[in-house]
Amino acid sequence: MSNSFHFGDSVTQHGDHNIGIVKNQGPLDPQAALRELTAAVRLLRDQVPAEDREVLDESLEEIGDGSTASPPALRRALRNISGVASLVRAGAPVVASVRRIMESFDS
């Protein structure tokens, strides 16, 4: 496995099962970002309790394809997904995906 670091990167790694550094290398395609998020949430789904799966499912349903959700509803759904993902070690890719989408709102 190869790691590439850039000047200014600071990385602290603790514990087992680390997945590496996730970086956004270009402009964010909203549809691609939502597909990435949906795929990551589906992988995470089997690793959380039933009540958290329900939150993930409802949030993905609310997001849909991203075109029909109002900005406040989209933000709420992303916060809910990020909240569940942050509780489990395997949730790091989901949290990173949510951050990229949320950052695109500010761009």
Protein backbone atom coordinates (compact mmCIF):
# COMPACT_ATOMS: atom_id res chain seq x y z
CA MET A 1 0.00 0.00 0.00
CA SER A 2 1.34 3.40 -0.94
CA ASN A 3 0.65 6.60 0.97
CA SER A 4 1.23 9.97 -0.60
CA PHE A 5 1.47 13.00 1.60
CA HIS A 6 1.65 16.61 0.56
CA PHE A 7 3.45 19.45 2.28
CA GLY A 8 1.32 20.54 5.20
CA ASP A 9 -0.38 17.19 5.79
CA SER A 10 -0.54 16.18 9.41
CA VAL A 11 -1.66 12.64 10.09
CA THR A 12 -2.18 10.93 13.44
CA GLN A 13 -3.28 7.32 13.35
CA HIS A 14 -4.52 5.31 16.32
CA GLY A 15 -5.89 1.78 16.61
CA ASP A 16 -6.53 -0.96 14.10
CA HIS A 17 -8.50 -1.06 10.85
CA ASN A 18 -7.53 2.39 9.63
CA ILE A 19 -8.56 3.08 6.08
CA GLY A 20 -6.10 5.80 5.12
CA ILE A 21 -6.42 9.40 4.06
CA VAL A 22 -9.42 10.52 2.07
CA LYS A 23 -8.83 13.64 -0.01
CA ASN A 24 -10.96 15.55 -2.43
CA GLN A 25 -8.76 16.05 -5.47
CA GLY A 26 -11.00 18.15 -7.68
CA PRO A 27 -14.26 19.96 -8.11
CA LEU A 28 -17.18 18.24 -6.46
CA ASP A 29 -19.74 16.68 -8.78
CA PRO A 30 -22.90 16.73 -6.61
CA GLN A 31 -24.40 13.60 -8.18
CA ALA A 32 -21.13 11.67 -7.87
CA ALA A 33 -20.80 12.83 -4.26
CA LEU A 34 -24.31 11.61 -3.45
CA ARG A 35 -23.62 8.25 -5.13
CA GLU A 36 -20.41 7.94 -3.09
CA LEU A 37 -22.29 8.81 0.10
CA THR A 38 -25.09 6.34 -0.65
CA ALA A 39 -22.60 3.52 -1.31
CA ALA A 40 -20.68 4.30 1.91
CA VAL A 41 -23.90 4.42 3.97
CA ARG A 42 -25.03 1.07 2.57
CA LEU A 43 -21.73 -0.49 3.66
CA LEU A 44 -22.05 1.09 7.09
CA ARG A 45 -25.68 0.05 7.52
CA ASP A 46 -24.85 -3.55 8.47
CA GLN A 47 -22.48 -2.40 11.19
CA VAL A 48 -24.91 -0.33 13.26
CA PRO A 49 -27.90 -1.23 15.48
CA ALA A 50 -31.42 -1.38 14.02
CA GLU A 51 -32.44 2.07 15.32
CA ASP A 52 -29.39 3.63 13.64
CA ARG A 53 -30.14 1.75 10.39
CA GLU A 54 -33.58 3.34 10.51
CA VAL A 55 -32.02 6.82 10.82
CA LEU A 56 -29.70 6.07 7.89
CA ASP A 57 -32.55 4.74 5.73
CA GLU A 58 -34.84 7.69 6.48
CA SER A 59 -32.02 10.15 5.79
CA LEU A 60 -31.13 8.55 2.46
CA GLU A 61 -34.79 8.58 1.51
CA GLU A 62 -35.02 12.27 2.37
CA ILE A 63 -31.93 13.06 0.29
CA GLY A 64 -33.17 11.05 -2.68
CA ASP A 65 -31.20 12.05 -5.76
CA GLY A 66 -30.47 15.45 -4.25
CA SER A 67 -32.69 17.38 -6.62
CA THR A 68 -35.92 17.36 -4.64
CA ALA A 69 -34.70 17.85 -1.07
CA SER A 70 -34.77 21.42 0.21
CA PRO A 71 -31.41 22.73 1.47
CA PRO A 72 -32.53 22.59 5.13
CA ALA A 73 -33.84 19.03 4.70
CA LEU A 74 -30.64 17.99 2.94
CA ARG A 75 -28.48 19.46 5.70
CA ARG A 76 -30.60 17.77 8.38
CA ALA A 77 -30.33 14.40 6.63
CA LEU A 78 -26.56 14.79 6.20
CA ARG A 79 -26.17 15.72 9.89
CA ASN A 80 -28.18 12.64 10.90
CA ILE A 81 -26.06 10.37 8.69
CA SER A 82 -22.84 11.92 9.99
CA GLY A 83 -24.03 11.54 13.59
CA VAL A 84 -24.64 7.82 13.20
CA ALA A 85 -21.39 7.31 11.25
CA SER A 86 -19.31 9.14 13.85
CA LEU A 87 -20.34 6.61 16.50
CA VAL A 88 -18.63 3.66 14.81
CA ARG A 89 -15.07 3.19 13.66
CA ALA A 90 -16.19 2.03 10.20
CA GLY A 91 -18.04 5.32 9.71
CA ALA A 92 -14.99 7.38 8.71
CA PRO A 93 -15.66 7.19 4.94
CA VAL A 94 -19.26 8.29 5.50
CA VAL A 95 -18.21 11.24 7.66
CA ALA A 96 -15.63 12.29 5.04
CA SER A 97 -18.25 12.05 2.30
CA VAL A 98 -20.72 14.16 4.28
CA ARG A 99 -18.02 16.77 4.92
CA ARG A 100 -17.24 17.07 1.21
CA ILE A 101 -20.91 17.57 0.41
CA MET A 102 -21.40 20.09 3.21
CA GLU A 103 -18.28 22.01 2.11
CA SER A 104 -19.73 22.25 -1.39
CA PHE A 105 -22.65 24.21 0.07
CA ASP A 106 -20.22 26.88 1.20
CA SER A 107 -18.46 27.10 -2.17
